[in-house]
């Protein structure tokens, strides 16, 4: 093998290494995205399972009222965030079983045609974030158990699957819920639309020694470029 051929082979090998590293980086990003979506779905499932507990334990009349209340709260949330009356949250009771069982759906109407989907399949999964937030409030308000009631609600990266366009109204909805129900809301977020509705915003930065500091920011100097 002459020098020219060797150098060409070396360049090809270097190119292949660069491509492999890029593919590895992309795979890591995809895995992180999937894990994030799975976490959001798990949180939503936990909230909806609490809804099932209420509906199962309640008497028929109370159960129907609770179901209608849940459906309205979450439907209102979907319609507010999407700014469309075409979406409706539906709780269906499965019959023919020894134990009461329920499933949750999103009904949408487009050009007069109705479509019913599971929440995780609607709007690219973005509706799961809306339902997760709304269901948490609905459960607390309807169940009204002092053991679980709190003046503060914590959210870790809410709205991760919501589009940039809908995130503005999603932020307004979270703000509305806190004001309407008189509850303090604390969020951890990298979404500027969500931070913009906050009464106070703190930026967390990590220095070279790995020490994190939180600094209160004004609306004029918020920067998410170096957030932890």
Protein backbone atom coordinates (compact mmCIF):
# COMPACT_ATOMS: atom_id res chain seq x y z
CA UNK A 1 0.00 0.00 0.00
CA UNK A 2 1.50 3.33 -1.04
CA UNK A 3 1.32 6.50 1.08
CA UNK A 4 -1.49 8.08 -0.98
CA UNK A 5 -3.69 5.01 -0.59
CA UNK A 6 -2.92 4.83 3.13
CA UNK A 7 -3.80 8.51 3.63
CA UNK A 8 -7.06 8.05 1.72
CA UNK A 9 -7.95 5.04 3.88
CA UNK A 10 -7.11 7.04 7.00
CA UNK A 11 -9.36 9.91 5.91
CA UNK A 12 -12.21 7.49 5.23
CA UNK A 13 -11.70 5.93 8.67
CA UNK A 14 -11.75 9.36 10.33
CA UNK A 15 -14.93 10.23 8.45
CA UNK A 16 -16.56 6.98 9.57
CA UNK A 17 -15.56 7.70 13.19
CA UNK A 18 -17.14 11.18 12.99
CA UNK A 19 -20.34 9.72 11.53
CA UNK A 20 -20.44 7.03 14.22
CA UNK A 21 -20.03 9.64 16.97
CA UNK A 22 -22.81 11.74 15.46
CA UNK A 23 -25.09 8.70 15.27
CA UNK A 24 -24.27 7.91 18.91
CA UNK A 25 -25.13 11.50 19.89
CA UNK A 26 -28.43 11.36 18.00
CA UNK A 27 -29.32 8.04 19.63
CA UNK A 28 -28.63 9.48 23.09
CA UNK A 29 -30.92 12.43 22.31
CA UNK A 30 -33.65 10.08 21.08
CA UNK A 31 -33.33 7.96 24.24
CA UNK A 32 -33.56 11.07 26.43
CA UNK A 33 -36.68 12.21 24.57
CA UNK A 34 -38.33 8.80 24.92
CA UNK A 35 -37.51 8.68 28.65
CA UNK A 36 -38.98 12.17 29.10
CA UNK A 37 -42.20 11.20 27.31
CA UNK A 38 -42.42 7.97 29.32
CA UNK A 39 -42.08 9.92 32.56
CA UNK A 40 -44.85 12.30 31.53
CA UNK A 41 -47.13 9.42 30.55
CA UNK A 42 -46.43 7.69 33.88
CA UNK A 43 -47.35 10.84 35.82
CA UNK A 44 -50.56 11.22 33.85
CA UNK A 45 -51.47 7.57 34.35
CA UNK A 46 -51.00 7.96 38.11
CA UNK A 47 -53.36 10.95 38.17
CA UNK A 48 -55.96 9.17 36.04
CA UNK A 49 -55.74 6.05 38.20
CA UNK A 50 -56.77 8.23 41.15
CA UNK A 51 -59.78 9.32 39.09
CA UNK A 52 -60.70 5.65 38.61
CA UNK A 53 -60.50 5.07 42.38
CA UNK A 54 -62.99 7.88 43.00
CA UNK A 55 -65.39 6.70 40.32
CA UNK A 56 -65.19 3.09 41.48
CA UNK A 57 -65.83 3.83 45.15
CA UNK A 58 -68.59 6.39 44.68
CA UNK A 59 -72.29 5.56 44.49
CA UNK A 60 -73.94 5.68 41.08
CA UNK A 61 -75.27 9.24 41.30
CA UNK A 62 -72.11 10.58 42.92
CA UNK A 63 -70.02 8.66 40.40
CA UNK A 64 -71.86 10.18 37.45
CA UNK A 65 -71.52 13.67 38.92
CA UNK A 66 -67.82 13.17 39.61
CA UNK A 67 -67.25 11.84 36.10
CA UNK A 68 -69.07 14.81 34.54
CA UNK A 69 -67.03 17.19 36.71
CA UNK A 70 -63.75 15.58 35.68
CA UNK A 71 -64.75 15.62 32.02
CA UNK A 72 -65.66 19.31 32.16
CA UNK A 73 -62.49 20.44 33.95
CA UNK A 74 -60.23 18.63 31.51
CA UNK A 75 -62.34 19.55 28.47
CA UNK A 76 -62.13 23.22 29.50
CA UNK A 77 -58.35 22.86 29.78
CA UNK A 78 -58.02 21.31 26.32
CA UNK A 79 -60.23 23.94 24.74
CA UNK A 80 -58.42 26.80 26.49
CA UNK A 81 -54.94 25.68 25.51
CA UNK A 82 -55.90 24.80 21.92
CA UNK A 83 -58.26 27.77 21.61
CA UNK A 84 -60.70 25.42 19.93
CA UNK A 85 -64.11 24.02 20.90
CA UNK A 86 -63.45 20.93 18.79
CA UNK A 87 -61.92 18.89 21.63
CA UNK A 88 -63.67 17.02 24.41
CA UNK A 89 -62.37 14.73 27.18
CA UNK A 90 -64.44 11.57 27.64
CA UNK A 91 -64.44 8.96 30.42
CA UNK A 92 -65.95 5.67 29.28
CA UNK A 93 -67.10 3.00 31.70
CA UNK A 94 -66.39 -0.51 30.50
CA UNK A 95 -69.37 -2.79 31.08
CA UNK A 96 -69.56 -6.52 31.59
CA UNK A 97 -66.84 -6.64 34.22
CA UNK A 98 -67.04 -7.64 37.87
CA UNK A 99 -65.15 -4.51 38.88
CA UNK A 100 -65.84 -1.05 37.51
CA UNK A 101 -63.27 -0.06 34.91
CA UNK A 102 -62.79 3.12 32.88
CA UNK A 103 -60.91 4.34 29.85
CA UNK A 104 -60.07 7.89 28.79
CA UNK A 105 -60.41 9.39 25.33
CA UNK A 106 -60.12 12.64 23.41
CA UNK A 107 -62.98 13.36 21.00
CA UNK A 108 -62.22 15.84 18.25
CA UNK A 109 -64.40 17.17 15.47
CA UNK A 110 -62.80 18.22 12.20
CA UNK A 111 -65.01 19.40 9.32
CA UNK A 112 -67.98 17.73 10.97
CA UNK A 113 -66.22 14.38 11.30
CA UNK A 114 -65.74 12.97 14.82
CA UNK A 115 -62.54 11.21 15.81
CA UNK A 116 -61.93 9.45 19.14
CA UNK A 117 -58.35 8.79 20.27
CA UNK A 118 -56.44 7.80 23.35
CA UNK A 119 -54.83 10.88 24.97
CA UNK A 120 -51.29 9.71 24.19
CA UNK A 121 -52.17 9.52 20.48
CA UNK A 122 -53.83 12.93 20.22
CA UNK A 123 -51.88 15.97 19.06
CA UNK A 124 -48.56 14.16 19.01
CA UNK A 125 -48.90 13.31 22.69
CA UNK A 126 -49.09 16.98 23.67
CA UNK A 127 -52.54 16.57 25.19
CA UNK A 128 -51.05 14.26 27.82
CA UNK A 129 -49.31 17.26 29.42
CA UNK A 130 -52.54 19.27 29.52
CA UNK A 131 -54.50 16.37 31.01
CA UNK A 132 -51.80 15.68 33.58
CA UNK A 133 -52.00 19.24 34.95
CA UNK A 134 -55.80 19.49 34.79
CA UNK A 135 -56.37 16.03 36.31
CA UNK A 136 -54.17 16.89 39.27
CA UNK A 137 -56.34 19.91 40.09
CA UNK A 138 -59.56 18.04 39.37
CA UNK A 139 -58.61 15.18 41.67
CA UNK A 140 -57.66 17.51 44.52
CA UNK A 141 -60.80 19.62 44.22
CA UNK A 142 -63.33 16.80 43.81
CA UNK A 143 -61.83 14.34 46.28
CA UNK A 144 -61.30 17.15 48.81
CA UNK A 145 -59.23 15.05 51.21
CA UNK A 146 -57.34 17.21 53.76
CA UNK A 147 -54.54 14.65 53.77
CA UNK A 148 -53.65 15.40 50.15
CA UNK A 149 -54.74 19.03 49.89
CA UNK A 150 -51.89 21.50 49.74
CA UNK A 151 -51.52 25.20 49.03
CA UNK A 152 -48.52 24.45 46.80
CA UNK A 153 -48.32 22.41 43.62
CA UNK A 154 -44.95 21.41 42.19
CA UNK A 155 -44.28 20.80 38.48
CA UNK A 156 -41.05 19.39 37.06
CA UNK A 157 -40.74 20.38 33.40
CA UNK A 158 -44.49 20.57 32.59
CA UNK A 159 -45.48 20.75 28.95
CA UNK A 160 -42.49 18.87 27.56
CA UNK A 161 -44.52 17.46 24.66
CA UNK A 162 -46.60 20.57 23.96
CA UNK A 163 -45.84 22.52 20.80
CA UNK A 164 -44.24 25.95 20.99
CA UNK A 165 -47.46 27.50 19.72
CA UNK A 166 -49.65 25.89 22.40
CA UNK A 167 -47.14 26.44 25.21
CA UNK A 168 -48.17 30.11 25.46
CA UNK A 169 -51.77 29.23 26.33
CA UNK A 170 -50.60 26.28 28.43
CA UNK A 171 -48.59 28.72 30.54
CA UNK A 172 -51.63 30.99 30.88
CA UNK A 173 -53.72 28.00 31.95
CA UNK A 174 -51.31 27.03 34.73
CA UNK A 175 -51.34 30.64 35.90
CA UNK A 176 -55.16 30.67 35.81
CA UNK A 177 -55.42 27.47 37.87
CA UNK A 178 -53.19 28.83 40.59
CA UNK A 179 -55.19 32.05 40.82
CA UNK A 180 -58.61 30.41 40.50
CA UNK A 181 -58.03 27.75 43.16
CA UNK A 182 -55.84 29.92 45.35
CA UNK A 183 -52.80 27.64 45.19
CA UNK A 184 -49.15 28.48 44.89
CA UNK A 185 -47.45 26.91 41.87
CA UNK A 186 -43.73 26.18 41.66
CA UNK A 187 -42.30 25.03 38.32
CA UNK A 188 -38.93 23.82 37.12
CA UNK A 189 -38.76 24.62 33.42
CA UNK A 190 -36.55 25.47 30.47
CA UNK A 191 -39.56 26.86 28.59
CA UNK A 192 -39.48 30.66 28.41
CA UNK A 193 -43.22 30.85 27.70
CA UNK A 194 -43.90 29.20 31.05
CA UNK A 195 -41.39 31.32 32.93
CA UNK A 196 -42.87 34.51 31.49
CA UNK A 197 -46.14 34.06 33.44
CA UNK A 198 -44.37 33.59 36.77
CA UNK A 199 -44.58 36.19 39.51
CA UNK A 200 -40.97 35.38 40.37
CA UNK A 201 -38.31 33.63 38.30
CA UNK A 202 -35.05 32.14 39.55
CA UNK A 203 -32.27 31.03 37.23
CA UNK A 204 -30.15 28.10 38.46
CA UNK A 205 -26.56 28.09 37.23
CA UNK A 206 -23.75 25.65 37.93
CA UNK A 207 -20.18 26.91 38.14
CA UNK A 208 -16.99 25.09 37.18
CA UNK A 209 -16.80 23.51 40.62
CA UNK A 210 -20.26 21.96 40.23
CA UNK A 211 -21.86 24.33 42.73
CA UNK A 212 -25.35 25.56 41.80
CA UNK A 213 -26.67 29.00 42.68
CA UNK A 214 -30.18 30.40 42.23
CA UNK A 215 -30.57 34.06 41.29
CA UNK A 216 -33.86 35.93 41.05
CA UNK A 217 -34.31 37.41 37.60
CA UNK A 218 -36.38 40.18 36.08
CA UNK A 219 -38.30 39.79 32.83
CA UNK A 220 -35.65 41.90 31.09
CA UNK A 221 -32.60 39.77 31.83
CA UNK A 222 -33.83 36.18 31.81
CA UNK A 223 -31.51 33.90 29.83
CA UNK A 224 -31.91 30.14 29.55
CA UNK A 225 -28.62 29.59 27.72
CA UNK A 226 -26.67 28.51 30.79
CA UNK A 227 -29.41 27.07 32.99
CA UNK A 228 -28.55 23.88 34.82
